[in-house]
Amino acid sequence: MALSRQDEKLQNLLTDIMMIALEDGIITDEEMAILKRIKLDIKELQHKIENGLNSENLSEEEKTQLKEWKKAILKNAYELSSEDFNITRDERALISGLVKLMMFE
């Protein structure tokens, strides 16, 4: 079964985030936790899109809802990275990359 355009975008987002985490050749436990959280959130977003949004012609309300879901993904990643009260350079790069990637979606 072929991926929908939206599924393909989300899969590419996950791949791009993984590449950001691998830039230094090491994925720390903290980075892995963030990646797992992002993956779960992306899957949830995918499910929400499949069950309610017409991704080809989004209404203004749907666009707003999609932005809110994306903000929630970013918030979850940030909160997870700050649990130990120390956001490392690698975690910051991961979150920054996620922000940049989501802005273009």
C-alpha atoms as a PDB file:
ATOM      1  CA  MET A   1       0.000   0.000   0.000  1.00  0.00           C
ATOM      2  CA  ALA A   2       1.384   3.388  -0.985  1.00  0.00           C
ATOM      3  CA  LEU A   3       1.880   6.083   1.615  1.00  0.00           C
ATOM      4  CA  SER A   4      -0.377   9.099   1.436  1.00  0.00           C
ATOM      5  CA  ARG A   5       1.268  12.456   0.907  1.00  0.00           C
ATOM      6  CA  GLN A   6       0.764  13.330   4.585  1.00  0.00           C
ATOM      7  CA  ASP A   7       2.114   9.935   5.747  1.00  0.00           C
ATOM      8  CA  GLU A   8       5.157  10.459   3.567  1.00  0.00           C
ATOM      9  CA  LYS A   9       5.741  13.925   5.070  1.00  0.00           C
ATOM     10  CA  LEU A  10       5.506  12.549   8.601  1.00  0.00           C
ATOM     11  CA  GLN A  11       7.825   9.644   7.785  1.00  0.00           C
ATOM     12  CA  ASN A  12      10.337  12.073   6.288  1.00  0.00           C
ATOM     13  CA  LEU A  13      10.081  14.195   9.432  1.00  0.00           C
ATOM     14  CA  LEU A  14      10.969  11.190  11.579  1.00  0.00           C
ATOM     15  CA  THR A  15      13.893  10.323   9.313  1.00  0.00           C
ATOM     16  CA  ASP A  16      15.189  13.897   9.366  1.00  0.00           C
ATOM     17  CA  ILE A  17      14.957  14.059  13.166  1.00  0.00           C
ATOM     18  CA  MET A  18      16.881  10.793  13.446  1.00  0.00           C
ATOM     19  CA  MET A  19      19.601  12.214  11.194  1.00  0.00           C
ATOM     20  CA  ILE A  20      19.881  15.285  13.433  1.00  0.00           C
ATOM     21  CA  ALA A  21      20.316  13.016  16.460  1.00  0.00           C
ATOM     22  CA  LEU A  22      23.011  11.054  14.620  1.00  0.00           C
ATOM     23  CA  GLU A  23      25.040  14.104  13.542  1.00  0.00           C
ATOM     24  CA  ASP A  24      27.619  13.564  16.278  1.00  0.00           C
ATOM     25  CA  GLY A  25      27.557   9.781  15.833  1.00  0.00           C
ATOM     26  CA  ILE A  26      26.079   9.172  19.295  1.00  0.00           C
ATOM     27  CA  ILE A  27      22.514   8.963  20.475  1.00  0.00           C
ATOM     28  CA  THR A  28      22.370   9.420  24.233  1.00  0.00           C
ATOM     29  CA  ASP A  29      19.685   7.861  26.406  1.00  0.00           C
ATOM     30  CA  GLU A  30      18.085  11.283  26.729  1.00  0.00           C
ATOM     31  CA  GLU A  31      18.080  11.813  22.959  1.00  0.00           C
ATOM     32  CA  MET A  32      16.624   8.337  22.476  1.00  0.00           C
ATOM     33  CA  ALA A  33      13.825   9.155  24.928  1.00  0.00           C
ATOM     34  CA  ILE A  34      13.056  12.336  22.976  1.00  0.00           C
ATOM     35  CA  LEU A  35      13.117  10.442  19.670  1.00  0.00           C
ATOM     36  CA  LYS A  36      10.745   7.803  21.035  1.00  0.00           C
ATOM     37  CA  ARG A  37       8.382  10.505  22.314  1.00  0.00           C
ATOM     38  CA  ILE A  38       8.465  12.274  18.946  1.00  0.00           C
ATOM     39  CA  LYS A  39       7.775   8.994  17.167  1.00  0.00           C
ATOM     40  CA  LEU A  40       4.768   8.288  19.398  1.00  0.00           C
ATOM     41  CA  ASP A  41       3.477  11.817  18.920  1.00  0.00           C
ATOM     42  CA  ILE A  42       3.929  11.614  15.138  1.00  0.00           C
ATOM     43  CA  LYS A  43       2.033   8.314  15.062  1.00  0.00           C
ATOM     44  CA  GLU A  44      -0.759   9.915  17.086  1.00  0.00           C
ATOM     45  CA  LEU A  45      -0.801  12.873  14.697  1.00  0.00           C
ATOM     46  CA  GLN A  46      -0.933  10.465  11.766  1.00  0.00           C
ATOM     47  CA  HIS A  47      -3.901   8.706  13.360  1.00  0.00           C
ATOM     48  CA  LYS A  48      -5.699  12.015  13.952  1.00  0.00           C
ATOM     49  CA  ILE A  49      -5.119  13.039  10.350  1.00  0.00           C
ATOM     50  CA  GLU A  50      -6.367   9.696   9.030  1.00  0.00           C
ATOM     51  CA  ASN A  51      -9.496   9.946  11.158  1.00  0.00           C
ATOM     52  CA  GLY A  52     -10.613  13.415  10.462  1.00  0.00           C
ATOM     53  CA  LEU A  53      -8.590  15.700   8.267  1.00  0.00           C
ATOM     54  CA  ASN A  54      -8.757  15.954   4.526  1.00  0.00           C
ATOM     55  CA  SER A  55      -5.063  16.669   4.078  1.00  0.00           C
ATOM     56  CA  GLU A  56      -5.482  17.878   0.499  1.00  0.00           C
ATOM     57  CA  ASN A  57      -7.891  20.742   1.243  1.00  0.00           C
ATOM     58  CA  LEU A  58      -7.598  21.808   4.861  1.00  0.00           C
ATOM     59  CA  SER A  59     -10.122  24.270   6.199  1.00  0.00           C
ATOM     60  CA  GLU A  60      -8.898  27.113   8.387  1.00  0.00           C
ATOM     61  CA  GLU A  61     -10.156  25.238  11.434  1.00  0.00           C
ATOM     62  CA  GLU A  62      -8.260  22.096  10.401  1.00  0.00           C
ATOM     63  CA  LYS A  63      -5.106  24.120   9.772  1.00  0.00           C
ATOM     64  CA  THR A  64      -5.409  25.604  13.255  1.00  0.00           C
ATOM     65  CA  GLN A  65      -5.941  22.149  14.775  1.00  0.00           C
ATOM     66  CA  LEU A  66      -2.906  20.783  12.923  1.00  0.00           C
ATOM     67  CA  LYS A  67      -0.781  23.672  14.248  1.00  0.00           C
ATOM     68  CA  GLU A  68      -1.967  22.909  17.779  1.00  0.00           C
ATOM     69  CA  TRP A  69      -1.035  19.252  17.413  1.00  0.00           C
ATOM     70  CA  LYS A  70       2.413  20.230  16.131  1.00  0.00           C
ATOM     71  CA  LYS A  71       2.866  22.589  19.081  1.00  0.00           C
ATOM     72  CA  ALA A  72       2.002  19.704  21.407  1.00  0.00           C
ATOM     73  CA  ILE A  73       4.710  17.552  19.798  1.00  0.00           C
ATOM     74  CA  LEU A  74       7.265  20.317  20.323  1.00  0.00           C
ATOM     75  CA  LYS A  75       6.090  20.905  23.886  1.00  0.00           C
ATOM     76  CA  ASN A  76       6.394  17.206  24.725  1.00  0.00           C
ATOM     77  CA  ALA A  77       9.925  17.049  23.307  1.00  0.00           C
ATOM     78  CA  TYR A  78      10.948  20.159  25.238  1.00  0.00           C
ATOM     79  CA  GLU A  79       9.414  18.976  28.513  1.00  0.00           C
ATOM     80  CA  LEU A  80      11.102  15.597  28.208  1.00  0.00           C
ATOM     81  CA  SER A  81      14.477  17.175  27.506  1.00  0.00           C
ATOM     82  CA  SER A  82      14.164  19.527  30.476  1.00  0.00           C
ATOM     83  CA  GLU A  83      13.107  16.913  33.042  1.00  0.00           C
ATOM     84  CA  ASP A  84      16.653  16.754  34.418  1.00  0.00           C
ATOM     85  CA  PHE A  85      16.895  20.576  34.424  1.00  0.00           C
ATOM     86  CA  ASN A  86      19.725  20.374  31.896  1.00  0.00           C
ATOM     87  CA  ILE A  87      19.066  20.606  28.179  1.00  0.00           C
ATOM     88  CA  THR A  88      22.257  19.464  26.490  1.00  0.00           C
ATOM     89  CA  ARG A  89      23.601  20.886  23.257  1.00  0.00           C
ATOM     90  CA  ASP A  90      22.526  17.713  21.432  1.00  0.00           C
ATOM     91  CA  GLU A  91      19.015  17.859  22.880  1.00  0.00           C
ATOM     92  CA  ARG A  92      18.794  21.537  21.943  1.00  0.00           C
ATOM     93  CA  ALA A  93      19.887  20.700  18.380  1.00  0.00           C
ATOM     94  CA  LEU A  94      17.261  17.980  18.199  1.00  0.00           C
ATOM     95  CA  ILE A  95      14.471  20.284  19.358  1.00  0.00           C
ATOM     96  CA  SER A  96      15.688  23.125  17.164  1.00  0.00           C
ATOM     97  CA  GLY A  97      15.720  20.781  14.174  1.00  0.00           C
ATOM     98  CA  LEU A  98      12.215  19.625  15.015  1.00  0.00           C
ATOM     99  CA  VAL A  99      11.023  23.236  15.132  1.00  0.00           C
ATOM    100  CA  LYS A 100      12.561  23.988  11.738  1.00  0.00           C
ATOM    101  CA  LEU A 101      11.166  20.839  10.152  1.00  0.00           C
ATOM    102  CA  MET A 102       7.670  21.409  11.507  1.00  0.00           C
ATOM    103  CA  MET A 103       7.589  24.998  10.318  1.00  0.00           C
ATOM    104  CA  PHE A 104       7.790  23.775   6.718  1.00  0.00           C
ATOM    105  CA  GLU A 105       5.096  21.132   7.030  1.00  0.00           C
END
